């Protein structure tokens, strides 16, 4: 019984999970932003290449 009470009061695991969730959300936001930026850069370089070739 003491072991169960100790585990219920221990918040280290919950904190680690919270930090993990925050890191995952930041990673998803960064990947999404990079994909959008990558598409814009690709379009820009294509336009520059077309202008230089033509």
PDB file of N, CA and C in Angstrom:
ATOM      1  N   UNK A   1       0.822  -1.194   0.000  1.00  0.00           N
ATOM      2  CA  UNK A   1       0.000   0.000   0.000  1.00  0.00           C
ATOM      3  C   UNK A   1       0.864   1.255   0.000  1.00  0.00           C
ATOM      4  N   UNK A   2       1.972   1.219   0.760  1.00  0.00           N
ATOM      5  CA  UNK A   2       2.866   2.373   0.794  1.00  0.00           C
ATOM      6  C   UNK A   2       3.443   2.651  -0.594  1.00  0.00           C
ATOM      7  N   UNK A   3       3.751   1.569  -1.299  1.00  0.00           N
ATOM      8  CA  UNK A   3       4.321   1.717  -2.643  1.00  0.00           C
ATOM      9  C   UNK A   3       3.349   2.430  -3.578  1.00  0.00           C
ATOM     10  N   UNK A   4       2.085   2.053  -3.523  1.00  0.00           N
ATOM     11  CA  UNK A   4       1.067   2.675  -4.381  1.00  0.00           C
ATOM     12  C   UNK A   4       0.893   4.147  -4.031  1.00  0.00           C
ATOM     13  N   UNK A   5       0.839   4.462  -2.740  1.00  0.00           N
ATOM     14  CA  UNK A   5       0.718   5.864  -2.323  1.00  0.00           C
ATOM     15  C   UNK A   5       1.923   6.681  -2.776  1.00  0.00           C
ATOM     16  N   UNK A   6       3.103   6.078  -2.675  1.00  0.00           N
ATOM     17  CA  UNK A   6       4.319   6.767  -3.116  1.00  0.00           C
ATOM     18  C   UNK A   6       4.249   7.049  -4.617  1.00  0.00           C
ATOM     19  N   UNK A   7       3.803   6.088  -5.377  1.00  0.00           N
ATOM     20  CA  UNK A   7       3.699   6.264  -6.826  1.00  0.00           C
ATOM     21  C   UNK A   7       2.661   7.323  -7.193  1.00  0.00           C
ATOM     22  N   UNK A   8       1.575   7.376  -6.471  1.00  0.00           N
ATOM     23  CA  UNK A   8       0.543   8.371  -6.756  1.00  0.00           C
ATOM     24  C   UNK A   8       1.023   9.789  -6.456  1.00  0.00           C
ATOM     25  N   UNK A   9       1.901   9.936  -5.473  1.00  0.00           N
ATOM     26  CA  UNK A   9       2.419  11.264  -5.125  1.00  0.00           C
ATOM     27  C   UNK A   9       3.591  11.678  -6.011  1.00  0.00           C
ATOM     28  N   UNK A  10       4.254  10.726  -6.641  1.00  0.00           N
ATOM     29  CA  UNK A  10       5.432  11.016  -7.464  1.00  0.00           C
ATOM     30  C   UNK A  10       4.995  11.668  -8.771  1.00  0.00           C
ATOM     31  N   UNK A  11       5.497  12.864  -9.033  1.00  0.00           N
ATOM     32  CA  UNK A  11       5.101  13.606 -10.234  1.00  0.00           C
ATOM     33  C   UNK A  11       6.202  13.657 -11.280  1.00  0.00           C
ATOM     34  N   UNK A  12       7.320  12.991 -11.063  1.00  0.00           N
ATOM     35  CA  UNK A  12       8.413  13.030 -12.028  1.00  0.00           C
ATOM     36  C   UNK A  12       7.998  12.456 -13.375  1.00  0.00           C
ATOM     37  N   UNK A  13       7.295  11.364 -13.363  1.00  0.00           N
ATOM     38  CA  UNK A  13       6.869  10.744 -14.613  1.00  0.00           C
ATOM     39  C   UNK A  13       5.922  11.631 -15.392  1.00  0.00           C
ATOM     40  N   UNK A  14       5.008  12.279 -14.691  1.00  0.00           N
ATOM     41  CA  UNK A  14       4.056  13.173 -15.350  1.00  0.00           C
ATOM     42  C   UNK A  14       4.778  14.358 -15.971  1.00  0.00           C
ATOM     43  N   UNK A  15       5.769  14.882 -15.278  1.00  0.00           N
ATOM     44  CA  UNK A  15       6.534  16.010 -15.807  1.00  0.00           C
ATOM     45  C   UNK A  15       7.297  15.596 -17.055  1.00  0.00           C
ATOM     46  N   UNK A  16       7.888  14.420 -17.037  1.00  0.00           N
ATOM     47  CA  UNK A  16       8.622  13.933 -18.202  1.00  0.00           C
ATOM     48  C   UNK A  16       7.687  13.770 -19.396  1.00  0.00           C
ATOM     49  N   UNK A  17       6.499  13.264 -19.158  1.00  0.00           N
ATOM     50  CA  UNK A  17       5.526  13.104 -20.238  1.00  0.00           C
ATOM     51  C   UNK A  17       5.108  14.459 -20.779  1.00  0.00           C
ATOM     52  N   UNK A  18       4.904  15.433 -19.907  1.00  0.00           N
ATOM     53  CA  UNK A  18       4.526  16.778 -20.356  1.00  0.00           C
ATOM     54  C   UNK A  18       5.616  17.385 -21.228  1.00  0.00           C
ATOM     55  N   UNK A  19       6.874  17.244 -20.799  1.00  0.00           N
ATOM     56  CA  UNK A  19       7.976  17.766 -21.611  1.00  0.00           C
ATOM     57  C   UNK A  19       8.048  17.045 -22.954  1.00  0.00           C
ATOM     58  N   UNK A  20       7.791  15.761 -22.953  1.00  0.00           N
ATOM     59  CA  UNK A  20       7.786  15.005 -24.207  1.00  0.00           C
ATOM     60  C   UNK A  20       6.703  15.479 -25.153  1.00  0.00           C
ATOM     61  N   UNK A  21       5.516  15.745 -24.624  1.00  0.00           N
ATOM     62  CA  UNK A  21       4.418  16.243 -25.455  1.00  0.00           C
ATOM     63  C   UNK A  21       4.731  17.628 -26.011  1.00  0.00           C
ATOM     64  N   UNK A  22       5.323  18.488 -25.190  1.00  0.00           N
ATOM     65  CA  UNK A  22       5.693  19.826 -25.659  1.00  0.00           C
ATOM     66  C   UNK A  22       6.731  19.721 -26.774  1.00  0.00           C
ATOM     67  N   UNK A  23       7.727  18.858 -26.597  1.00  0.00           N
ATOM     68  CA  UNK A  23       8.753  18.673 -27.626  1.00  0.00           C
ATOM     69  C   UNK A  23       8.139  18.145 -28.919  1.00  0.00           C
ATOM     70  N   UNK A  24       7.188  17.234 -28.809  1.00  0.00           N
ATOM     71  CA  UNK A  24       6.530  16.689 -29.999  1.00  0.00           C
ATOM     72  C   UNK A  24       5.736  17.768 -30.729  1.00  0.00           C
ATOM     73  N   UNK A  25       5.038  18.617 -29.993  1.00  0.00           N
ATOM     74  CA  UNK A  25       4.275  19.699 -30.623  1.00  0.00           C
ATOM     75  C   UNK A  25       5.196  20.694 -31.319  1.00  0.00           C
ATOM     76  N   UNK A  26       6.320  21.011 -30.696  1.00  0.00           N
ATOM     77  CA  UNK A  26       7.284  21.919 -31.319  1.00  0.00           C
ATOM     78  C   UNK A  26       7.846  21.291 -32.592  1.00  0.00           C
ATOM     79  N   UNK A  27       8.129  19.999 -32.557  1.00  0.00           N
ATOM     80  CA  UNK A  27       8.651  19.313 -33.736  1.00  0.00           C
ATOM     81  C   UNK A  27       7.641  19.329 -34.879  1.00  0.00           C
ATOM     82  N   UNK A  28       6.383  19.084 -34.578  1.00  0.00           N
ATOM     83  CA  UNK A  28       5.341  19.107 -35.614  1.00  0.00           C
ATOM     84  C   UNK A  28       5.220  20.505 -36.212  1.00  0.00           C
ATOM     85  N   UNK A  29       5.252  21.531 -35.370  1.00  0.00           N
ATOM     86  CA  UNK A  29       5.166  22.911 -35.862  1.00  0.00           C
ATOM     87  C   UNK A  29       6.370  23.247 -36.737  1.00  0.00           C
ATOM     88  N   UNK A  30       7.558  22.824 -36.334  1.00  0.00           N
ATOM     89  CA  UNK A  30       8.763  23.105 -37.111  1.00  0.00           C
ATOM     90  C   UNK A  30       8.729  22.393 -38.459  1.00  0.00           C
ATOM     91  N   UNK A  31       8.305  21.151 -38.475  1.00  0.00           N
ATOM     92  CA  UNK A  31       8.232  20.396 -39.730  1.00  0.00           C
ATOM     93  C   UNK A  31       7.228  21.037 -40.677  1.00  0.00           C
ATOM     94  N   UNK A  32       6.086  21.437 -40.153  1.00  0.00           N
ATOM     95  CA  UNK A  32       5.065  22.090 -40.974  1.00  0.00           C
ATOM     96  C   UNK A  32       5.594  23.389 -41.561  1.00  0.00           C
ATOM     97  N   UNK A  33       6.265  24.187 -40.749  1.00  0.00           N
ATOM     98  CA  UNK A  33       6.816  25.457 -41.223  1.00  0.00           C
ATOM     99  C   UNK A  33       7.885  25.224 -42.283  1.00  0.00           C
ATOM    100  N   UNK A  34       8.725  24.229 -42.089  1.00  0.00           N
ATOM    101  CA  UNK A  34       9.793  23.946 -43.048  1.00  0.00           C
ATOM    102  C   UNK A  34       9.235  23.451 -44.377  1.00  0.00           C
ATOM    103  N   UNK A  35       8.163  22.687 -44.332  1.00  0.00           N
ATOM    104  CA  UNK A  35       7.556  22.218 -45.573  1.00  0.00           C
ATOM    105  C   UNK A  35       7.008  23.389 -46.371  1.00  0.00           C
ATOM    106  N   UNK A  36       6.332  24.305 -45.711  1.00  0.00           N
ATOM    107  CA  UNK A  36       5.793  25.479 -46.391  1.00  0.00           C
ATOM    108  C   UNK A  36       6.901  26.348 -46.949  1.00  0.00           C
ATOM    109  N   UNK A  37       7.941  26.554 -46.175  1.00  0.00           N
ATOM    110  CA  UNK A  37       9.074  27.364 -46.619  1.00  0.00           C
ATOM    111  C   UNK A  37       9.793  26.681 -47.776  1.00  0.00           C
ATOM    112  N   UNK A  38       9.920  25.378 -47.718  1.00  0.00           N
ATOM    113  CA  UNK A  38      10.575  24.629 -48.797  1.00  0.00           C
ATOM    114  C   UNK A  38       9.840  24.786 -50.113  1.00  0.00           C
ATOM    115  N   UNK A  39       8.519  24.739 -50.071  1.00  0.00           N
ATOM    116  CA  UNK A  39       7.733  24.918 -51.293  1.00  0.00           C
ATOM    117  C   UNK A  39       7.913  26.318 -51.854  1.00  0.00           C
ATOM    118  N   UNK A  40       7.933  27.320 -51.003  1.00  0.00           N
ATOM    119  CA  UNK A  40       8.121  28.697 -51.459  1.00  0.00           C
ATOM    120  C   UNK A  40       9.505  28.880 -52.066  1.00  0.00           C
ATOM    121  N   UNK A  41      10.520  28.319 -51.441  1.00  0.00           N
ATOM    122  CA  UNK A  41      11.876  28.429 -51.975  1.00  0.00           C
ATOM    123  C   UNK A  41      11.998  27.727 -53.320  1.00  0.00           C
ATOM    124  N   UNK A  42      11.376  26.584 -53.440  1.00  0.00           N
ATOM    125  CA  UNK A  42      11.406  25.854 -54.705  1.00  0.00           C
ATOM    126  C   UNK A  42      10.779  26.678 -55.821  1.00  0.00           C
ATOM    127  N   UNK A  43       9.645  27.286 -55.546  1.00  0.00           N
ATOM    128  CA  UNK A  43       8.984  28.134 -56.540  1.00  0.00           C
ATOM    129  C   UNK A  43       9.855  29.327 -56.907  1.00  0.00           C
ATOM    130  N   UNK A  44      10.468  29.948 -55.916  1.00  0.00           N
ATOM    131  CA  UNK A  44      11.320  31.116 -56.161  1.00  0.00           C
ATOM    132  C   UNK A  44      12.522  30.737 -57.012  1.00  0.00           C
ATOM    133  N   UNK A  45      13.192  29.644 -56.689  1.00  0.00           N
ATOM    134  CA  UNK A  45      14.352  29.224 -57.473  1.00  0.00           C
ATOM    135  C   UNK A  45      13.949  28.823 -58.888  1.00  0.00           C
ATOM    136  N   UNK A  46      12.785  28.241 -59.052  1.00  0.00           N
ATOM    137  CA  UNK A  46      12.304  27.900 -60.395  1.00  0.00           C
ATOM    138  C   UNK A  46      12.081  29.155 -61.221  1.00  0.00           C
ATOM    139  N   UNK A  47      11.493  30.185 -60.621  1.00  0.00           N
ATOM    140  CA  UNK A  47      11.270  31.447 -61.327  1.00  0.00           C
ATOM    141  C   UNK A  47      12.591  32.102 -61.703  1.00  0.00           C
ATOM    142  N   UNK A  48      13.542  32.112 -60.787  1.00  0.00           N
ATOM    143  CA  UNK A  48      14.858  32.702 -61.064  1.00  0.00           C
ATOM    144  C   UNK A  48      15.548  31.934 -62.177  1.00  0.00           C
ATOM    145  N   UNK A  49      15.488  30.625 -62.131  1.00  0.00           N
ATOM    146  CA  UNK A  49      16.110  29.796 -63.162  1.00  0.00           C
ATOM    147  C   UNK A  49      15.491  30.058 -64.524  1.00  0.00           C
ATOM    148  N   UNK A  50      14.176  30.185 -64.565  1.00  0.00           N
ATOM    149  CA  UNK A  50      13.478  30.457 -65.825  1.00  0.00           C
ATOM    150  C   UNK A  50      13.884  31.812 -66.381  1.00  0.00           C
ATOM    151  N   UNK A  51      13.968  32.818 -65.522  1.00  0.00           N
ATOM    152  CA  UNK A  51      14.357  34.161 -65.965  1.00  0.00           C
ATOM    153  C   UNK A  51      15.794  34.183 -66.468  1.00  0.00           C
ATOM    154  N   UNK A  52      16.672  33.460 -65.817  1.00  0.00           N
ATOM    155  CA  UNK A  52      18.077  33.443 -66.230  1.00  0.00           C
ATOM    156  C   UNK A  52      18.261  32.679 -67.535  1.00  0.00           C
ATOM    157  N   UNK A  53      17.464  31.648 -67.758  1.00  0.00           N
ATOM    158  CA  UNK A  53      17.585  30.839 -68.968  1.00  0.00           C
ATOM    159  C   UNK A  53      16.927  31.515 -70.163  1.00  0.00           C
ATOM    160  N   UNK A  54      15.923  32.313 -69.921  1.00  0.00           N
ATOM    161  CA  UNK A  54      15.121  32.833 -71.005  1.00  0.00           C
ATOM    162  C   UNK A  54      15.501  34.168 -71.457  1.00  0.00           C
TER     163      UNK A  54
END
